[in-house]
């Protein structure tokens, strides 16, 4: 678990100064640096997201899963499945028909 925390600290140790450096460059007139001003906080946020996910995996916690809708629960889904069965039940040519004009 120590390595997970260390990974977050290292990621933030890289992202925060990089954000400050790129912000300084962007305010000094470097137009390309504005893209990095946005990118570094996103990478820092992703590091926090992965840190939380890895901690949950390490502890064995499982996120609750959404219940799948059964075919009988949704009339539109049942109708769509019937339509697909009808379409695939028709005889279609095994080889594509070429039209030579």
N, C-alpha and C. Protein backbone atom coordinates (compact mmCIF):
# COMPACT_ATOMS: atom_id res chain seq x y z
N UNK A 1 0.83 -1.19 0.00
CA UNK A 1 0.00 0.00 0.00
C UNK A 1 0.88 1.26 0.00
N UNK A 2 2.07 1.12 0.54
CA UNK A 2 2.99 2.26 0.57
C UNK A 2 3.34 2.71 -0.84
N UNK A 3 3.51 1.74 -1.75
CA UNK A 3 3.88 2.09 -3.13
C UNK A 3 2.75 2.85 -3.82
N UNK A 4 1.50 2.56 -3.48
CA UNK A 4 0.37 3.29 -4.08
C UNK A 4 0.42 4.75 -3.64
N UNK A 5 0.65 4.98 -2.36
CA UNK A 5 0.74 6.35 -1.85
C UNK A 5 1.96 7.06 -2.44
N UNK A 6 3.07 6.36 -2.55
CA UNK A 6 4.28 6.95 -3.12
C UNK A 6 4.05 7.34 -4.58
N UNK A 7 3.33 6.51 -5.31
CA UNK A 7 3.02 6.83 -6.71
C UNK A 7 2.22 8.12 -6.83
N UNK A 8 1.25 8.30 -5.94
CA UNK A 8 0.46 9.54 -5.97
C UNK A 8 1.33 10.74 -5.65
N UNK A 9 2.17 10.61 -4.64
CA UNK A 9 3.03 11.74 -4.25
C UNK A 9 3.97 12.11 -5.40
N UNK A 10 4.54 11.12 -6.06
CA UNK A 10 5.43 11.41 -7.18
C UNK A 10 4.68 12.04 -8.34
N UNK A 11 3.50 11.55 -8.64
CA UNK A 11 2.72 12.11 -9.73
C UNK A 11 2.35 13.56 -9.45
N UNK A 12 1.92 13.84 -8.24
CA UNK A 12 1.57 15.22 -7.89
C UNK A 12 2.81 16.10 -7.83
N UNK A 13 3.94 15.52 -7.41
CA UNK A 13 5.20 16.26 -7.34
C UNK A 13 5.66 16.68 -8.73
N UNK A 14 5.27 15.93 -9.75
CA UNK A 14 5.60 16.28 -11.13
C UNK A 14 4.56 17.24 -11.70
N UNK A 15 3.28 16.98 -11.47
CA UNK A 15 2.21 17.75 -12.11
C UNK A 15 2.09 19.18 -11.60
N UNK A 16 2.23 19.37 -10.31
CA UNK A 16 2.02 20.71 -9.75
C UNK A 16 3.10 21.69 -10.21
N UNK A 17 4.39 21.36 -10.11
CA UNK A 17 5.40 22.31 -10.62
C UNK A 17 5.31 22.49 -12.14
N UNK A 18 4.97 21.42 -12.86
CA UNK A 18 4.84 21.55 -14.32
C UNK A 18 3.71 22.51 -14.67
N UNK A 19 2.61 22.45 -13.91
CA UNK A 19 1.51 23.39 -14.13
C UNK A 19 1.98 24.83 -13.90
N UNK A 20 2.71 25.05 -12.81
CA UNK A 20 3.20 26.40 -12.52
C UNK A 20 4.15 26.90 -13.59
N UNK A 21 5.05 26.03 -14.05
CA UNK A 21 5.99 26.41 -15.10
C UNK A 21 5.28 26.77 -16.39
N UNK A 22 4.32 25.94 -16.80
CA UNK A 22 3.60 26.21 -18.05
C UNK A 22 2.70 27.44 -17.92
N UNK A 23 2.14 27.68 -16.75
CA UNK A 23 1.34 28.88 -16.55
C UNK A 23 2.22 30.12 -16.68
N UNK A 24 3.40 30.07 -16.11
CA UNK A 24 4.35 31.19 -16.24
C UNK A 24 4.69 31.44 -17.70
N UNK A 25 4.97 30.36 -18.46
CA UNK A 25 5.30 30.50 -19.88
C UNK A 25 4.11 31.02 -20.67
N UNK A 26 2.91 30.56 -20.34
CA UNK A 26 1.71 31.00 -21.07
C UNK A 26 1.46 32.48 -20.82
N UNK A 27 1.62 32.91 -19.59
CA UNK A 27 1.41 34.33 -19.29
C UNK A 27 2.51 35.20 -19.88
N UNK A 28 3.66 34.61 -20.20
CA UNK A 28 4.76 35.34 -20.83
C UNK A 28 4.59 35.45 -22.33
N UNK A 29 3.58 34.81 -22.88
CA UNK A 29 3.31 34.96 -24.30
C UNK A 29 3.43 33.71 -25.13
N UNK A 30 3.78 32.59 -24.56
CA UNK A 30 3.87 31.35 -25.31
C UNK A 30 2.47 30.75 -25.42
N UNK A 31 1.89 30.84 -26.59
CA UNK A 31 0.50 30.41 -26.81
C UNK A 31 0.32 28.90 -26.63
N UNK A 32 1.32 28.11 -27.02
CA UNK A 32 1.20 26.65 -26.92
C UNK A 32 1.11 26.20 -25.46
N UNK A 33 1.68 26.96 -24.57
CA UNK A 33 1.68 26.57 -23.16
C UNK A 33 0.28 26.55 -22.55
N UNK A 34 -0.68 27.25 -23.15
CA UNK A 34 -2.04 27.22 -22.61
C UNK A 34 -2.62 25.81 -22.66
N UNK A 35 -2.23 25.04 -23.65
CA UNK A 35 -2.69 23.65 -23.72
C UNK A 35 -2.14 22.85 -22.54
N UNK A 36 -0.89 23.10 -22.19
CA UNK A 36 -0.29 22.39 -21.06
C UNK A 36 -0.83 22.88 -19.73
N UNK A 37 -1.26 24.13 -19.68
CA UNK A 37 -1.87 24.66 -18.46
C UNK A 37 -3.13 23.87 -18.14
N UNK A 38 -3.82 23.43 -19.16
CA UNK A 38 -5.02 22.61 -18.96
C UNK A 38 -4.65 21.14 -18.74
N UNK A 39 -3.62 20.68 -19.44
CA UNK A 39 -3.25 19.26 -19.40
C UNK A 39 -2.73 18.83 -18.03
N UNK A 40 -1.87 19.59 -17.40
CA UNK A 40 -1.26 19.15 -16.15
C UNK A 40 -2.26 18.95 -15.02
N UNK A 41 -3.24 19.83 -14.83
CA UNK A 41 -4.24 19.54 -13.79
C UNK A 41 -5.09 18.30 -14.12
N UNK A 42 -5.34 18.07 -15.41
CA UNK A 42 -6.08 16.86 -15.78
C UNK A 42 -5.29 15.61 -15.43
N UNK A 43 -3.99 15.63 -15.70
CA UNK A 43 -3.15 14.50 -15.34
C UNK A 43 -3.08 14.30 -13.83
N UNK A 44 -3.03 15.40 -13.09
CA UNK A 44 -3.02 15.30 -11.62
C UNK A 44 -4.34 14.71 -11.12
N UNK A 45 -5.45 15.12 -11.72
CA UNK A 45 -6.74 14.56 -11.35
C UNK A 45 -6.84 13.08 -11.69
N UNK A 46 -6.28 12.69 -12.82
CA UNK A 46 -6.28 11.28 -13.20
C UNK A 46 -5.44 10.47 -12.22
N UNK A 47 -4.34 11.05 -11.75
CA UNK A 47 -3.51 10.35 -10.77
C UNK A 47 -4.28 10.11 -9.47
N UNK A 48 -5.07 11.10 -9.06
CA UNK A 48 -5.88 10.93 -7.85
C UNK A 48 -6.96 9.87 -8.07
N UNK A 49 -7.58 9.87 -9.25
CA UNK A 49 -8.58 8.86 -9.58
C UNK A 49 -7.98 7.45 -9.51
N UNK A 50 -6.81 7.27 -10.13
CA UNK A 50 -6.17 5.96 -10.13
C UNK A 50 -5.72 5.56 -8.73
N UNK A 51 -5.27 6.52 -7.95
CA UNK A 51 -4.87 6.26 -6.57
C UNK A 51 -6.04 5.69 -5.78
N UNK A 52 -7.21 6.34 -5.91
CA UNK A 52 -8.41 5.86 -5.20
C UNK A 52 -8.81 4.47 -5.70
N UNK A 53 -8.75 4.26 -7.00
CA UNK A 53 -9.13 2.97 -7.58
C UNK A 53 -8.18 1.87 -7.10
N UNK A 54 -6.88 2.15 -7.09
CA UNK A 54 -5.91 1.15 -6.63
C UNK A 54 -6.07 0.85 -5.15
N UNK A 55 -6.39 1.86 -4.35
CA UNK A 55 -6.63 1.62 -2.93
C UNK A 55 -7.86 0.74 -2.72
N UNK A 56 -8.92 0.98 -3.47
CA UNK A 56 -10.12 0.13 -3.37
C UNK A 56 -9.81 -1.30 -3.78
N UNK A 57 -9.05 -1.45 -4.86
CA UNK A 57 -8.68 -2.80 -5.30
C UNK A 57 -7.82 -3.51 -4.26
N UNK A 58 -6.92 -2.77 -3.66
CA UNK A 58 -6.03 -3.35 -2.64
C UNK A 58 -6.82 -3.81 -1.42
N UNK A 59 -7.82 -3.04 -1.03
CA UNK A 59 -8.64 -3.37 0.13
C UNK A 59 -9.70 -4.42 -0.18
N UNK A 60 -9.93 -4.68 -1.46
CA UNK A 60 -10.93 -5.66 -1.84
C UNK A 60 -12.33 -5.08 -1.92
N UNK A 61 -12.45 -3.77 -1.90
CA UNK A 61 -13.76 -3.14 -2.01
C UNK A 61 -14.21 -3.20 -3.46
N UNK A 62 -15.48 -3.47 -3.65
CA UNK A 62 -16.03 -3.55 -5.00
C UNK A 62 -17.09 -2.48 -5.14
N UNK A 63 -17.01 -1.74 -6.23
CA UNK A 63 -18.03 -0.72 -6.49
C UNK A 63 -19.35 -1.41 -6.84
N UNK A 64 -20.47 -0.87 -6.39
CA UNK A 64 -21.76 -1.49 -6.72
C UNK A 64 -22.02 -1.42 -8.21
N UNK A 65 -22.49 -2.53 -8.75
CA UNK A 65 -22.79 -2.59 -10.18
C UNK A 65 -24.26 -2.29 -10.40
N UNK A 66 -24.53 -1.67 -11.55
CA UNK A 66 -25.91 -1.37 -11.90
C UNK A 66 -26.60 -2.64 -12.36
N UNK A 67 -27.87 -2.74 -12.04
CA UNK A 67 -28.66 -3.90 -12.45
C UNK A 67 -28.96 -3.81 -13.93
N UNK A 68 -28.68 -4.88 -14.63
CA UNK A 68 -28.97 -4.93 -16.05
C UNK A 68 -30.47 -5.10 -16.25
N UNK A 69 -30.99 -4.49 -17.29
CA UNK A 69 -32.41 -4.59 -17.60
C UNK A 69 -32.66 -5.90 -18.33
N UNK A 70 -33.52 -6.72 -17.80
CA UNK A 70 -33.88 -7.98 -18.46
C UNK A 70 -34.80 -7.69 -19.63
N UNK A 71 -34.83 -8.62 -20.57
CA UNK A 71 -35.64 -8.41 -21.78
C UNK A 71 -37.12 -8.27 -21.44
N UNK A 72 -37.59 -8.94 -20.41
CA UNK A 72 -39.00 -8.87 -20.05
C UNK A 72 -39.36 -7.57 -19.34
N UNK A 73 -38.36 -6.85 -18.82
CA UNK A 73 -38.63 -5.61 -18.09
C UNK A 73 -38.91 -4.43 -19.00
N UNK A 74 -38.44 -4.49 -20.23
CA UNK A 74 -38.56 -3.34 -21.11
C UNK A 74 -39.27 -3.77 -22.40
N UNK A 75 -40.43 -3.19 -22.64
CA UNK A 75 -41.22 -3.58 -23.82
C UNK A 75 -40.50 -3.18 -25.11
N UNK A 76 -39.84 -2.02 -25.11
CA UNK A 76 -39.14 -1.59 -26.32
C UNK A 76 -37.97 -2.51 -26.63
N UNK A 77 -37.27 -2.97 -25.60
CA UNK A 77 -36.17 -3.90 -25.82
C UNK A 77 -36.68 -5.22 -26.37
N UNK A 78 -37.80 -5.69 -25.85
CA UNK A 78 -38.38 -6.94 -26.35
C UNK A 78 -38.80 -6.79 -27.81
N UNK A 79 -39.38 -5.65 -28.15
CA UNK A 79 -39.80 -5.41 -29.54
C UNK A 79 -38.58 -5.36 -30.45
N UNK A 80 -37.52 -4.74 -30.00
CA UNK A 80 -36.30 -4.66 -30.81
C UNK A 80 -35.70 -6.05 -31.02
N UNK A 81 -35.70 -6.87 -29.98
CA UNK A 81 -35.17 -8.22 -30.11
C UNK A 81 -36.01 -9.06 -31.07
N UNK A 82 -37.33 -8.85 -31.06
CA UNK A 82 -38.20 -9.55 -32.02
C UNK A 82 -37.89 -9.09 -33.44
N UNK A 83 -37.67 -7.80 -33.61
CA UNK A 83 -37.35 -7.27 -34.94
C UNK A 83 -36.04 -7.88 -35.44
N UNK A 84 -35.03 -7.92 -34.58
CA UNK A 84 -33.75 -8.50 -34.99
C UNK A 84 -33.88 -9.96 -35.34
N UNK A 85 -34.69 -10.69 -34.58
CA UNK A 85 -34.91 -12.11 -34.89
C UNK A 85 -35.59 -12.27 -36.24
N UNK A 86 -36.53 -11.38 -36.55
CA UNK A 86 -37.22 -11.45 -37.84
C UNK A 86 -36.27 -11.11 -38.99
N UNK A 87 -35.42 -10.12 -38.78
CA UNK A 87 -34.49 -9.73 -39.84
C UNK A 87 -33.48 -10.85 -40.10
N UNK A 88 -32.95 -11.42 -39.06
CA UNK A 88 -31.94 -12.45 -39.23
C UNK A 88 -32.54 -13.79 -39.60
N UNK A 89 -33.83 -13.93 -39.46
CA UNK A 89 -34.48 -15.18 -39.83
C UNK A 89 -34.79 -15.27 -41.31
N UNK A 90 -34.70 -14.17 -42.04
CA UNK A 90 -35.00 -14.20 -43.47
C UNK A 90 -33.84 -14.83 -44.21
N UNK A 91 -34.15 -15.40 -45.36
CA UNK A 91 -33.11 -16.02 -46.18
C UNK A 91 -32.37 -14.94 -46.93
N UNK A 92 -31.09 -14.82 -46.62
CA UNK A 92 -30.26 -13.85 -47.31
C UNK A 92 -29.25 -14.62 -48.15
N UNK A 93 -28.84 -14.07 -49.28
CA UNK A 93 -27.90 -14.80 -50.14
C UNK A 93 -26.58 -15.01 -49.43
N UNK A 94 -25.99 -16.21 -49.64
CA UNK A 94 -24.73 -16.54 -48.98
C UNK A 94 -23.58 -15.73 -49.58
N UNK A 95 -23.67 -15.45 -50.87
CA UNK A 95 -22.64 -14.65 -51.51
C UNK A 95 -23.24 -13.33 -51.95
N UNK A 96 -22.48 -12.27 -51.92
CA UNK A 96 -23.02 -10.99 -52.34
C UNK A 96 -23.40 -11.01 -53.82
N UNK A 97 -24.47 -10.37 -54.14
CA UNK A 97 -24.95 -10.29 -55.50
C UNK A 97 -24.27 -9.11 -56.16
N UNK A 98 -23.56 -9.35 -57.26
CA UNK A 98 -22.89 -8.26 -57.96
C UNK A 98 -23.79 -7.79 -59.09
N UNK A 99 -23.83 -6.50 -59.26
CA UNK A 99 -24.64 -5.91 -60.33
C UNK A 99 -23.71 -5.42 -61.41
N UNK A 100 -23.68 -6.15 -62.51
CA UNK A 100 -22.87 -5.73 -63.65
C UNK A 100 -23.75 -5.00 -64.62
N UNK A 101 -23.56 -3.71 -64.72
CA UNK A 101 -24.39 -2.90 -65.61
C UNK A 101 -23.83 -2.86 -67.00
